[in-house]
């Protein structure tokens, strides 16, 4: 009789555990936080039963975005912060500048990817970007090649990183716009997982990063139609992935019937016209951001071959004639 009681007790415990597993996700609450950094509206959602911890984690997430916003800002100075603006514009009579490790690491990431992109992703193109920004804001005219070429050096070798988080003070013109959002979003995703928040969704403009689905389902992420704002032309399905889009349809100006967007080819110093947008799917948001810019700067045929060197990377292109081209393994996300 005692043996049957033991079996019965074990059965009850097993049933209770199953019920707890089945219902645990139903009890999860969504905690959402809206931010605006890096000229982008950002929304971070986490799913948890612990309100206090969720709120605390979201506050820390904002601090991470704020810190990287200030460090990578090339247009503004901040008290007691040696950021990109300071590196580019300081007049101090010093040979080297000691910067924070976070800034050192993201600059190094950009330099390293310059090699991986065969020189297409260039973080020292700030001089040329400034010229184009002036024309884009005035919407009057197009800079000549001579004007762009004479704006200053775009040699990545001008950026010299030294030991102990130091950078040579030789006044480069760094612009981290091609990688900063994806880079910091991945850092935030890693932080959330470290804190035990595996179920999350981060939307940062063209960068989307998701963890596990809050209902043990799969996330469905829409890719925006570059020809019609708010319209979705493709839905991809997966968890623990980044979906990152680059395109010229958000920041551009039109002059004499031609469109000039903000993504600049360092070889021609002009905005390329290979496609309307490209979206990269990978498990790393920093890589996705860097790759999407790189792919936007090369032909679709070159891009399909180029991404084969990377593991767990797929891409989809929206062409100038409004057709869709997918990489070989893209279908697994549909």
C-alpha atoms as a PDB file:
ATOM      1  CA  UNK A   1       0.000   0.000   0.000  1.00  0.00           C
ATOM      2  CA  UNK A   2       2.836   2.351   0.862  1.00  0.00           C
ATOM      3  CA  UNK A   3       4.375   1.637  -2.556  1.00  0.00           C
ATOM      4  CA  UNK A   4       1.156   2.659  -4.343  1.00  0.00           C
ATOM      5  CA  UNK A   5       0.995   5.850  -2.303  1.00  0.00           C
ATOM      6  CA  UNK A   6       4.510   6.655  -3.481  1.00  0.00           C
ATOM      7  CA  UNK A   7       3.533   6.045  -7.109  1.00  0.00           C
ATOM      8  CA  UNK A   8       0.410   8.183  -6.661  1.00  0.00           C
ATOM      9  CA  UNK A   9       2.416  11.026  -5.109  1.00  0.00           C
ATOM     10  CA  UNK A  10       4.940  10.846  -7.945  1.00  0.00           C
ATOM     11  CA  UNK A  11       2.099  10.974 -10.481  1.00  0.00           C
ATOM     12  CA  UNK A  12       0.589  14.055  -8.814  1.00  0.00           C
ATOM     13  CA  UNK A  13       3.976  15.824  -8.785  1.00  0.00           C
ATOM     14  CA  UNK A  14       4.527  14.977 -12.454  1.00  0.00           C
ATOM     15  CA  UNK A  15       1.097  16.323 -13.425  1.00  0.00           C
ATOM     16  CA  UNK A  16       1.706  19.531 -11.476  1.00  0.00           C
ATOM     17  CA  UNK A  17       5.065  20.031 -13.164  1.00  0.00           C
ATOM     18  CA  UNK A  18       3.483  19.558 -16.592  1.00  0.00           C
ATOM     19  CA  UNK A  19       0.764  22.082 -15.744  1.00  0.00           C
ATOM     20  CA  UNK A  20       3.379  24.561 -14.530  1.00  0.00           C
ATOM     21  CA  UNK A  21       5.381  24.174 -17.741  1.00  0.00           C
ATOM     22  CA  UNK A  22       2.300  24.552 -19.936  1.00  0.00           C
ATOM     23  CA  UNK A  23       0.949  27.599 -18.099  1.00  0.00           C
ATOM     24  CA  UNK A  24       4.201  29.359 -17.233  1.00  0.00           C
ATOM     25  CA  UNK A  25       4.450  31.249 -20.527  1.00  0.00           C
ATOM     26  CA  UNK A  26       0.792  32.266 -20.302  1.00  0.00           C
ATOM     27  CA  UNK A  27       1.641  34.106 -17.105  1.00  0.00           C
ATOM     28  CA  UNK A  28       4.412  36.128 -18.712  1.00  0.00           C
ATOM     29  CA  UNK A  29       3.818  39.847 -18.885  1.00  0.00           C
ATOM     30  CA  UNK A  30       5.166  42.133 -21.584  1.00  0.00           C
ATOM     31  CA  UNK A  31       7.311  45.059 -20.489  1.00  0.00           C
ATOM     32  CA  UNK A  32       8.067  47.604 -23.182  1.00  0.00           C
ATOM     33  CA  UNK A  33      10.409  50.579 -23.294  1.00  0.00           C
ATOM     34  CA  UNK A  34      10.589  53.249 -26.012  1.00  0.00           C
ATOM     35  CA  UNK A  35      13.834  55.097 -26.707  1.00  0.00           C
ATOM     36  CA  UNK A  36      15.266  57.544 -29.206  1.00  0.00           C
ATOM     37  CA  UNK A  37      18.983  57.295 -29.828  1.00  0.00           C
ATOM     38  CA  UNK A  38      21.229  57.343 -32.889  1.00  0.00           C
ATOM     39  CA  UNK A  39      18.532  59.265 -34.747  1.00  0.00           C
ATOM     40  CA  UNK A  40      16.275  56.215 -34.462  1.00  0.00           C
ATOM     41  CA  UNK A  41      13.131  55.263 -32.579  1.00  0.00           C
ATOM     42  CA  UNK A  42      13.880  52.107 -30.607  1.00  0.00           C
ATOM     43  CA  UNK A  43      11.481  49.751 -28.852  1.00  0.00           C
ATOM     44  CA  UNK A  44      12.623  47.003 -26.493  1.00  0.00           C
ATOM     45  CA  UNK A  45      10.197  44.358 -25.225  1.00  0.00           C
ATOM     46  CA  UNK A  46      10.947  41.729 -22.601  1.00  0.00           C
ATOM     47  CA  UNK A  47       8.653  39.029 -21.241  1.00  0.00           C
ATOM     48  CA  UNK A  48       8.814  38.100 -17.585  1.00  0.00           C
ATOM     49  CA  UNK A  49       6.922  37.285 -14.404  1.00  0.00           C
ATOM     50  CA  UNK A  50       9.148  39.628 -12.429  1.00  0.00           C
ATOM     51  CA  UNK A  51       8.034  43.232 -12.882  1.00  0.00           C
ATOM     52  CA  UNK A  52      10.716  44.773 -10.686  1.00  0.00           C
ATOM     53  CA  UNK A  53      13.560  42.953 -12.424  1.00  0.00           C
ATOM     54  CA  UNK A  54      12.105  43.650 -15.875  1.00  0.00           C
ATOM     55  CA  UNK A  55      11.871  47.383 -15.192  1.00  0.00           C
ATOM     56  CA  UNK A  56      15.398  47.422 -13.798  1.00  0.00           C
ATOM     57  CA  UNK A  57      16.778  45.611 -16.837  1.00  0.00           C
ATOM     58  CA  UNK A  58      14.996  47.963 -19.242  1.00  0.00           C
ATOM     59  CA  UNK A  59      16.478  50.947 -17.416  1.00  0.00           C
ATOM     60  CA  UNK A  60      19.926  49.415 -17.876  1.00  0.00           C
ATOM     61  CA  UNK A  61      19.154  48.844 -21.559  1.00  0.00           C
ATOM     62  CA  UNK A  62      18.465  52.554 -21.948  1.00  0.00           C
ATOM     63  CA  UNK A  63      21.790  53.351 -20.289  1.00  0.00           C
ATOM     64  CA  UNK A  64      23.579  51.095 -22.795  1.00  0.00           C
ATOM     65  CA  UNK A  65      21.938  52.768 -25.787  1.00  0.00           C
ATOM     66  CA  UNK A  66      22.562  56.220 -24.316  1.00  0.00           C
ATOM     67  CA  UNK A  67      26.229  55.483 -23.702  1.00  0.00           C
ATOM     68  CA  UNK A  68      26.861  54.224 -27.225  1.00  0.00           C
ATOM     69  CA  UNK A  69      24.837  57.093 -28.655  1.00  0.00           C
ATOM     70  CA  UNK A  70      27.153  59.553 -26.945  1.00  0.00           C
ATOM     71  CA  UNK A  71      30.338  57.636 -27.720  1.00  0.00           C
ATOM     72  CA  UNK A  72      29.583  57.227 -31.440  1.00  0.00           C
ATOM     73  CA  UNK A  73      28.083  60.698 -31.979  1.00  0.00           C
ATOM     74  CA  UNK A  74      30.152  62.590 -34.551  1.00  0.00           C
ATOM     75  CA  UNK A  75      28.122  65.799 -34.422  1.00  0.00           C
ATOM     76  CA  UNK A  76      28.073  66.670 -30.707  1.00  0.00           C
ATOM     77  CA  UNK A  77      30.456  66.928 -27.777  1.00  0.00           C
ATOM     78  CA  UNK A  78      29.560  65.723 -24.267  1.00  0.00           C
ATOM     79  CA  UNK A  79      31.099  66.706 -20.961  1.00  0.00           C
ATOM     80  CA  UNK A  80      33.930  64.424 -19.870  1.00  0.00           C
ATOM     81  CA  UNK A  81      33.440  62.068 -22.837  1.00  0.00           C
ATOM     82  CA  UNK A  82      36.027  61.547 -25.543  1.00  0.00           C
ATOM     83  CA  UNK A  83      33.757  60.393 -28.327  1.00  0.00           C
ATOM     84  CA  UNK A  84      33.894  60.302 -32.127  1.00  0.00           C
ATOM     85  CA  UNK A  85      33.269  64.058 -32.292  1.00  0.00           C
ATOM     86  CA  UNK A  86      36.241  64.643 -30.018  1.00  0.00           C
ATOM     87  CA  UNK A  87      38.508  62.293 -31.989  1.00  0.00           C
ATOM     88  CA  UNK A  88      37.578  63.973 -35.265  1.00  0.00           C
ATOM     89  CA  UNK A  89      37.708  67.595 -34.109  1.00  0.00           C
ATOM     90  CA  UNK A  90      39.966  68.033 -31.081  1.00  0.00           C
ATOM     91  CA  UNK A  91      42.764  70.607 -31.237  1.00  0.00           C
ATOM     92  CA  UNK A  92      44.710  69.281 -28.265  1.00  0.00           C
ATOM     93  CA  UNK A  93      48.463  69.118 -28.688  1.00  0.00           C
ATOM     94  CA  UNK A  94      48.724  65.457 -27.733  1.00  0.00           C
ATOM     95  CA  UNK A  95      50.039  62.441 -29.608  1.00  0.00           C
ATOM     96  CA  UNK A  96      47.458  59.905 -28.464  1.00  0.00           C
ATOM     97  CA  UNK A  97      43.940  59.886 -27.033  1.00  0.00           C
ATOM     98  CA  UNK A  98      42.778  57.418 -24.409  1.00  0.00           C
ATOM     99  CA  UNK A  99      39.187  56.414 -25.088  1.00  0.00           C
ATOM    100  CA  UNK A 100      36.718  54.110 -23.390  1.00  0.00           C
ATOM    101  CA  UNK A 101      37.033  50.421 -24.173  1.00  0.00           C
ATOM    102  CA  UNK A 102      33.522  50.336 -25.630  1.00  0.00           C
ATOM    103  CA  UNK A 103      34.446  52.955 -28.229  1.00  0.00           C
ATOM    104  CA  UNK A 104      37.815  51.343 -28.902  1.00  0.00           C
ATOM    105  CA  UNK A 105      36.130  47.993 -29.581  1.00  0.00           C
ATOM    106  CA  UNK A 106      33.509  49.314 -31.998  1.00  0.00           C
ATOM    107  CA  UNK A 107      36.142  51.272 -33.941  1.00  0.00           C
ATOM    108  CA  UNK A 108      38.228  48.090 -34.135  1.00  0.00           C
ATOM    109  CA  UNK A 109      35.166  46.194 -35.367  1.00  0.00           C
ATOM    110  CA  UNK A 110      34.765  48.741 -38.155  1.00  0.00           C
ATOM    111  CA  UNK A 111      38.433  48.558 -39.135  1.00  0.00           C
ATOM    112  CA  UNK A 112      38.350  44.762 -39.177  1.00  0.00           C
ATOM    113  CA  UNK A 113      35.238  44.717 -41.339  1.00  0.00           C
ATOM    114  CA  UNK A 114      36.870  47.078 -43.817  1.00  0.00           C
ATOM    115  CA  UNK A 115      39.115  44.158 -44.719  1.00  0.00           C
ATOM    116  CA  UNK A 116      36.244  41.647 -44.759  1.00  0.00           C
ATOM    117  CA  UNK A 117      34.225  43.913 -47.060  1.00  0.00           C
ATOM    118  CA  UNK A 118      37.095  44.412 -49.502  1.00  0.00           C
ATOM    119  CA  UNK A 119      37.131  48.093 -48.611  1.00  0.00           C
ATOM    120  CA  UNK A 120      33.431  48.776 -49.182  1.00  0.00           C
ATOM    121  CA  UNK A 121      32.541  49.391 -45.541  1.00  0.00           C
ATOM    122  CA  UNK A 122      34.704  52.392 -44.724  1.00  0.00           C
ATOM    123  CA  UNK A 123      34.344  54.064 -41.318  1.00  0.00           C
ATOM    124  CA  UNK A 124      36.688  56.926 -42.269  1.00  0.00           C
ATOM    125  CA  UNK A 125      34.399  58.335 -44.949  1.00  0.00           C
ATOM    126  CA  UNK A 126      33.094  61.168 -42.773  1.00  0.00           C
ATOM    127  CA  UNK A 127      34.497  63.947 -44.965  1.00  0.00           C
ATOM    128  CA  UNK A 128      32.553  62.732 -47.983  1.00  0.00           C
ATOM    129  CA  UNK A 129      29.409  62.093 -45.942  1.00  0.00           C
ATOM    130  CA  UNK A 130      29.509  65.680 -44.683  1.00  0.00           C
ATOM    131  CA  UNK A 131      29.550  67.031 -48.240  1.00  0.00           C
ATOM    132  CA  UNK A 132      26.601  64.870 -49.250  1.00  0.00           C
ATOM    133  CA  UNK A 133      24.729  65.817 -46.062  1.00  0.00           C
ATOM    134  CA  UNK A 134      25.027  69.493 -46.978  1.00  0.00           C
ATOM    135  CA  UNK A 135      23.560  68.890 -50.426  1.00  0.00           C
ATOM    136  CA  UNK A 136      20.847  66.572 -49.103  1.00  0.00           C
ATOM    137  CA  UNK A 137      19.684  69.169 -46.599  1.00  0.00           C
ATOM    138  CA  UNK A 138      19.644  71.975 -49.180  1.00  0.00           C
ATOM    139  CA  UNK A 139      18.189  69.708 -51.913  1.00  0.00           C
ATOM    140  CA  UNK A 140      19.997  71.894 -54.395  1.00  0.00           C
ATOM    141  CA  UNK A 141      22.557  70.415 -56.747  1.00  0.00           C
ATOM    142  CA  UNK A 142      24.940  67.480 -56.700  1.00  0.00           C
ATOM    143  CA  UNK A 143      28.571  67.633 -55.572  1.00  0.00           C
ATOM    144  CA  UNK A 144      31.225  67.140 -58.212  1.00  0.00           C
ATOM    145  CA  UNK A 145      33.753  64.344 -57.911  1.00  0.00           C
ATOM    146  CA  UNK A 146      36.472  66.967 -57.434  1.00  0.00           C
ATOM    147  CA  UNK A 147      34.571  68.507 -54.513  1.00  0.00           C
ATOM    148  CA  UNK A 148      34.114  65.110 -52.898  1.00  0.00           C
ATOM    149  CA  UNK A 149      37.696  64.038 -53.501  1.00  0.00           C
ATOM    150  CA  UNK A 150      39.122  67.242 -52.072  1.00  0.00           C
ATOM    151  CA  UNK A 151      36.984  67.077 -48.908  1.00  0.00           C
ATOM    152  CA  UNK A 152      39.657  65.055 -47.111  1.00  0.00           C
ATOM    153  CA  UNK A 153      41.243  61.658 -46.726  1.00  0.00           C
ATOM    154  CA  UNK A 154      39.076  58.538 -46.545  1.00  0.00           C
ATOM    155  CA  UNK A 155      41.981  56.169 -45.893  1.00  0.00           C
ATOM    156  CA  UNK A 156      41.113  53.770 -43.093  1.00  0.00           C
ATOM    157  CA  UNK A 157      44.833  53.570 -42.345  1.00  0.00           C
ATOM    158  CA  UNK A 158      44.457  57.082 -40.876  1.00  0.00           C
ATOM    159  CA  UNK A 159      42.716  55.431 -37.916  1.00  0.00           C
ATOM    160  CA  UNK A 160      45.511  53.990 -35.800  1.00  0.00           C
ATOM    161  CA  UNK A 161      44.530  52.038 -32.694  1.00  0.00           C
ATOM    162  CA  UNK A 162      47.249  51.517 -30.101  1.00  0.00           C
ATOM    163  CA  UNK A 163      47.478  49.449 -26.931  1.00  0.00           C
ATOM    164  CA  UNK A 164      45.609  50.292 -23.729  1.00  0.00           C
ATOM    165  CA  UNK A 165      42.529  51.749 -25.468  1.00  0.00           C
ATOM    166  CA  UNK A 166      44.488  54.510 -27.160  1.00  0.00           C
ATOM    167  CA  UNK A 167      44.071  55.986 -30.621  1.00  0.00           C
ATOM    168  CA  UNK A 168      46.590  58.105 -32.504  1.00  0.00           C
ATOM    169  CA  UNK A 169      45.558  61.764 -32.535  1.00  0.00           C
ATOM    170  CA  UNK A 170      45.910  62.374 -36.278  1.00  0.00           C
ATOM    171  CA  UNK A 171      42.387  63.726 -36.856  1.00  0.00           C
ATOM    172  CA  UNK A 172      40.576  61.156 -38.977  1.00  0.00           C
ATOM    173  CA  UNK A 173      36.916  61.723 -39.828  1.00  0.00           C
ATOM    174  CA  UNK A 174      35.257  58.625 -38.452  1.00  0.00           C
ATOM    175  CA  UNK A 175      31.607  57.807 -39.118  1.00  0.00           C
ATOM    176  CA  UNK A 176      30.183  54.688 -37.468  1.00  0.00           C
ATOM    177  CA  UNK A 177      26.694  55.024 -38.924  1.00  0.00           C
ATOM    178  CA  UNK A 178      27.025  51.809 -40.922  1.00  0.00           C
ATOM    179  CA  UNK A 179      27.562  49.632 -37.858  1.00  0.00           C
ATOM    180  CA  UNK A 180      26.642  51.436 -34.627  1.00  0.00           C
ATOM    181  CA  UNK A 181      22.948  50.504 -34.293  1.00  0.00           C
ATOM    182  CA  UNK A 182      23.469  46.861 -35.096  1.00  0.00           C
ATOM    183  CA  UNK A 183      26.521  46.694 -32.863  1.00  0.00           C
ATOM    184  CA  UNK A 184      24.866  48.140 -29.769  1.00  0.00           C
ATOM    185  CA  UNK A 185      21.639  46.213 -30.390  1.00  0.00           C
ATOM    186  CA  UNK A 186      23.615  42.971 -30.258  1.00  0.00           C
ATOM    187  CA  UNK A 187      25.245  44.109 -27.024  1.00  0.00           C
ATOM    188  CA  UNK A 188      21.774  44.769 -25.594  1.00  0.00           C
ATOM    189  CA  UNK A 189      20.563  41.350 -26.743  1.00  0.00           C
ATOM    190  CA  UNK A 190      23.543  39.676 -25.085  1.00  0.00           C
ATOM    191  CA  UNK A 191      22.926  41.656 -21.901  1.00  0.00           C
ATOM    192  CA  UNK A 192      19.273  40.601 -21.766  1.00  0.00           C
ATOM    193  CA  UNK A 193      20.246  36.938 -22.040  1.00  0.00           C
ATOM    194  CA  UNK A 194      22.906  37.353 -19.361  1.00  0.00           C
ATOM    195  CA  UNK A 195      20.182  38.705 -17.063  1.00  0.00           C
ATOM    196  CA  UNK A 196      17.942  35.719 -17.759  1.00  0.00           C
ATOM    197  CA  UNK A 197      15.633  37.457 -20.245  1.00  0.00           C
ATOM    198  CA  UNK A 198      15.727  35.047 -23.166  1.00  0.00           C
ATOM    199  CA  UNK A 199      12.335  36.141 -24.482  1.00  0.00           C
ATOM    200  CA  UNK A 200      12.672  39.591 -26.031  1.00  0.00           C
ATOM    201  CA  UNK A 201      12.185  41.689 -29.129  1.00  0.00           C
ATOM    202  CA  UNK A 202      14.219  44.746 -30.098  1.00  0.00           C
ATOM    203  CA  UNK A 203      13.169  47.064 -32.902  1.00  0.00           C
ATOM    204  CA  UNK A 204      15.735  49.710 -33.835  1.00  0.00           C
ATOM    205  CA  UNK A 205      14.727  51.095 -37.208  1.00  0.00           C
ATOM    206  CA  UNK A 206      16.137  48.797 -39.860  1.00  0.00           C
ATOM    207  CA  UNK A 207      17.548  46.517 -37.152  1.00  0.00           C
ATOM    208  CA  UNK A 208      15.359  43.863 -35.541  1.00  0.00           C
ATOM    209  CA  UNK A 209      16.735  41.377 -33.015  1.00  0.00           C
ATOM    210  CA  UNK A 210      14.626  38.682 -31.358  1.00  0.00           C
ATOM    211  CA  UNK A 211      15.254  36.047 -28.717  1.00  0.00           C
ATOM    212  CA  UNK A 212      12.946  33.169 -27.870  1.00  0.00           C
ATOM    213  CA  UNK A 213       9.257  33.705 -28.570  1.00  0.00           C
ATOM    214  CA  UNK A 214       7.214  34.576 -25.500  1.00  0.00           C
ATOM    215  CA  UNK A 215       4.602  31.896 -26.298  1.00  0.00           C
ATOM    216  CA  UNK A 216       7.070  29.213 -27.381  1.00  0.00           C
ATOM    217  CA  UNK A 217       6.024  30.002 -30.939  1.00  0.00           C
ATOM    218  CA  UNK A 218       8.127  31.571 -33.686  1.00  0.00           C
ATOM    219  CA  UNK A 219       8.538  35.274 -34.415  1.00  0.00           C
ATOM    220  CA  UNK A 220       7.162  36.567 -37.698  1.00  0.00           C
ATOM    221  CA  UNK A 221       9.075  39.649 -38.834  1.00  0.00           C
ATOM    222  CA  UNK A 222       7.941  41.810 -41.718  1.00  0.00           C
ATOM    223  CA  UNK A 223      10.376  43.351 -44.197  1.00  0.00           C
ATOM    224  CA  UNK A 224       9.250  46.779 -45.370  1.00  0.00           C
ATOM    225  CA  UNK A 225       8.507  47.483 -49.005  1.00  0.00           C
ATOM    226  CA  UNK A 226      11.005  50.206 -50.013  1.00  0.00           C
ATOM    227  CA  UNK A 227       8.529  51.634 -52.521  1.00  0.00           C
ATOM    228  CA  UNK A 228       5.566  51.977 -50.150  1.00  0.00           C
ATOM    229  CA  UNK A 229       5.953  53.104 -46.558  1.00  0.00           C
ATOM    230  CA  UNK A 230       4.276  50.805 -44.049  1.00  0.00           C
ATOM    231  CA  UNK A 231       3.752  48.007 -46.570  1.00  0.00           C
ATOM    232  CA  UNK A 232       5.324  44.590 -45.944  1.00  0.00           C
ATOM    233  CA  UNK A 233       6.616  42.633 -48.920  1.00  0.00           C
ATOM    234  CA  UNK A 234       8.035  39.600 -47.102  1.00  0.00           C
ATOM    235  CA  UNK A 235       7.598  37.895 -43.731  1.00  0.00           C
ATOM    236  CA  UNK A 236      10.420  35.846 -42.240  1.00  0.00           C
ATOM    237  CA  UNK A 237      10.029  33.381 -39.385  1.00  0.00           C
ATOM    238  CA  UNK A 238      12.604  32.481 -36.771  1.00  0.00           C
ATOM    239  CA  UNK A 239      13.786  33.000 -33.214  1.00  0.00           C
ATOM    240  CA  UNK A 240      17.165  34.150 -31.910  1.00  0.00           C
ATOM    241  CA  UNK A 241      18.063  36.036 -35.040  1.00  0.00           C
ATOM    242  CA  UNK A 242      18.674  39.498 -36.421  1.00  0.00           C
ATOM    243  CA  UNK A 243      16.911  40.932 -39.465  1.00  0.00           C
ATOM    244  CA  UNK A 244      18.729  44.007 -40.748  1.00  0.00           C
ATOM    245  CA  UNK A 245      17.811  46.132 -43.767  1.00  0.00           C
ATOM    246  CA  UNK A 246      19.779  48.746 -45.688  1.00  0.00           C
ATOM    247  CA  UNK A 247      18.158  50.924 -48.307  1.00  0.00           C
ATOM    248  CA  UNK A 248      18.168  54.366 -49.785  1.00  0.00           C
ATOM    249  CA  UNK A 249      14.450  55.006 -49.380  1.00  0.00           C
ATOM    250  CA  UNK A 250      14.448  56.755 -45.990  1.00  0.00           C
ATOM    251  CA  UNK A 251      17.200  59.384 -46.242  1.00  0.00           C
ATOM    252  CA  UNK A 252      17.527  60.828 -49.714  1.00  0.00           C
ATOM    253  CA  UNK A 253      16.817  63.822 -51.896  1.00  0.00           C
ATOM    254  CA  UNK A 254      15.747  64.210 -55.497  1.00  0.00           C
ATOM    255  CA  UNK A 255      17.426  66.550 -57.939  1.00  0.00           C
ATOM    256  CA  UNK A 256      16.592  66.855 -61.633  1.00  0.00           C
ATOM    257  CA  UNK A 257      14.771  63.542 -61.590  1.00  0.00           C
ATOM    258  CA  UNK A 258      17.539  61.556 -59.900  1.00  0.00           C
ATOM    259  CA  UNK A 259      17.543  60.104 -56.381  1.00  0.00           C
ATOM    260  CA  UNK A 260      20.589  60.584 -54.148  1.00  0.00           C
ATOM    261  CA  UNK A 261      20.512  58.630 -50.891  1.00  0.00           C
ATOM    262  CA  UNK A 262      22.803  58.568 -47.850  1.00  0.00           C
ATOM    263  CA  UNK A 263      24.789  55.361 -48.437  1.00  0.00           C
ATOM    264  CA  UNK A 264      28.056  56.225 -50.190  1.00  0.00           C
ATOM    265  CA  UNK A 265      30.369  53.981 -52.196  1.00  0.00           C
ATOM    266  CA  UNK A 266      33.951  54.771 -51.071  1.00  0.00           C
ATOM    267  CA  UNK A 267      35.256  53.860 -54.525  1.00  0.00           C
ATOM    268  CA  UNK A 268      33.092  56.289 -56.514  1.00  0.00           C
ATOM    269  CA  UNK A 269      32.170  58.663 -53.629  1.00  0.00           C
ATOM    270  CA  UNK A 270      28.614  58.476 -55.011  1.00  0.00           C
ATOM    271  CA  UNK A 271      25.421  56.731 -53.831  1.00  0.00           C
ATOM    272  CA  UNK A 272      25.197  53.364 -55.633  1.00  0.00           C
ATOM    273  CA  UNK A 273      22.152  52.303 -57.614  1.00  0.00           C
ATOM    274  CA  UNK A 274      22.288  48.505 -57.600  1.00  0.00           C
ATOM    275  CA  UNK A 275      18.992  47.959 -55.744  1.00  0.00           C
ATOM    276  CA  UNK A 276      16.285  49.573 -53.610  1.00  0.00           C
ATOM    277  CA  UNK A 277      17.011  47.588 -50.461  1.00  0.00           C
ATOM    278  CA  UNK A 278      18.711  44.491 -49.111  1.00  0.00           C
ATOM    279  CA  UNK A 279      17.876  42.589 -45.936  1.00  0.00           C
ATOM    280  CA  UNK A 280      20.251  40.270 -44.102  1.00  0.00           C
ATOM    281  CA  UNK A 281      19.225  37.477 -41.749  1.00  0.00           C
ATOM    282  CA  UNK A 282      21.854  36.275 -39.309  1.00  0.00           C
ATOM    283  CA  UNK A 283      22.260  35.441 -35.632  1.00  0.00           C
ATOM    284  CA  UNK A 284      24.332  38.560 -34.937  1.00  0.00           C
ATOM    285  CA  UNK A 285      22.931  42.069 -35.285  1.00  0.00           C
ATOM    286  CA  UNK A 286      26.359  43.712 -35.569  1.00  0.00           C
ATOM    287  CA  UNK A 287      27.290  41.427 -38.445  1.00  0.00           C
ATOM    288  CA  UNK A 288      23.875  41.970 -40.016  1.00  0.00           C
ATOM    289  CA  UNK A 289      24.301  45.748 -39.973  1.00  0.00           C
ATOM    290  CA  UNK A 290      27.786  45.604 -41.470  1.00  0.00           C
ATOM    291  CA  UNK A 291      26.768  43.057 -44.100  1.00  0.00           C
ATOM    292  CA  UNK A 292      23.605  44.860 -45.181  1.00  0.00           C
ATOM    293  CA  UNK A 293      25.595  48.024 -45.898  1.00  0.00           C
ATOM    294  CA  UNK A 294      28.292  46.054 -47.697  1.00  0.00           C
ATOM    295  CA  UNK A 295      25.750  44.198 -49.854  1.00  0.00           C
ATOM    296  CA  UNK A 296      24.027  47.466 -50.729  1.00  0.00           C
ATOM    297  CA  UNK A 297      27.349  48.678 -52.128  1.00  0.00           C
ATOM    298  CA  UNK A 298      27.840  45.776 -54.543  1.00  0.00           C
ATOM    299  CA  UNK A 299      25.852  44.193 -57.333  1.00  0.00           C
ATOM    300  CA  UNK A 300      23.333  41.503 -56.426  1.00  0.00           C
ATOM    301  CA  UNK A 301      25.348  38.867 -58.283  1.00  0.00           C
ATOM    302  CA  UNK A 302      28.467  39.821 -56.335  1.00  0.00           C
ATOM    303  CA  UNK A 303      26.487  39.863 -53.097  1.00  0.00           C
ATOM    304  CA  UNK A 304      25.106  36.353 -53.550  1.00  0.00           C
ATOM    305  CA  UNK A 305      28.642  35.038 -53.890  1.00  0.00           C
ATOM    306  CA  UNK A 306      30.071  37.269 -51.164  1.00  0.00           C
ATOM    307  CA  UNK A 307      27.825  36.059 -48.329  1.00  0.00           C
ATOM    308  CA  UNK A 308      28.725  32.408 -48.925  1.00  0.00           C
ATOM    309  CA  UNK A 309      31.863  32.949 -46.833  1.00  0.00           C
ATOM    310  CA  UNK A 310      29.742  33.662 -43.727  1.00  0.00           C
ATOM    311  CA  UNK A 311      27.975  31.017 -41.645  1.00  0.00           C
ATOM    312  CA  UNK A 312      24.239  31.305 -40.943  1.00  0.00           C
ATOM    313  CA  UNK A 313      23.750  34.315 -43.218  1.00  0.00           C
ATOM    314  CA  UNK A 314      21.000  34.742 -45.814  1.00  0.00           C
ATOM    315  CA  UNK A 315      19.825  37.786 -47.738  1.00  0.00           C
ATOM    316  CA  UNK A 316      16.951  39.058 -49.842  1.00  0.00           C
ATOM    317  CA  UNK A 317      17.205  41.878 -52.383  1.00  0.00           C
ATOM    318  CA  UNK A 318      14.464  44.227 -53.604  1.00  0.00           C
ATOM    319  CA  UNK A 319      15.638  45.230 -57.064  1.00  0.00           C
ATOM    320  CA  UNK A 320      15.225  48.472 -58.970  1.00  0.00           C
ATOM    321  CA  UNK A 321      12.589  46.853 -61.199  1.00  0.00           C
ATOM    322  CA  UNK A 322      10.625  45.697 -58.118  1.00  0.00           C
ATOM    323  CA  UNK A 323      11.535  42.015 -58.322  1.00  0.00           C
ATOM    324  CA  UNK A 324      12.714  39.897 -55.401  1.00  0.00           C
ATOM    325  CA  UNK A 325      15.960  37.922 -55.388  1.00  0.00           C
ATOM    326  CA  UNK A 326      16.859  35.560 -52.536  1.00  0.00           C
ATOM    327  CA  UNK A 327      20.064  33.862 -51.460  1.00  0.00           C
ATOM    328  CA  UNK A 328      20.234  30.101 -51.803  1.00  0.00           C
ATOM    329  CA  UNK A 329      19.174  29.231 -48.254  1.00  0.00           C
ATOM    330  CA  UNK A 330      16.660  32.006 -47.641  1.00  0.00           C
ATOM    331  CA  UNK A 331      13.594  29.781 -48.076  1.00  0.00           C
ATOM    332  CA  UNK A 332      14.085  28.156 -44.675  1.00  0.00           C
ATOM    333  CA  UNK A 333      12.920  31.393 -43.059  1.00  0.00           C
ATOM    334  CA  UNK A 334       9.650  31.592 -44.999  1.00  0.00           C
END
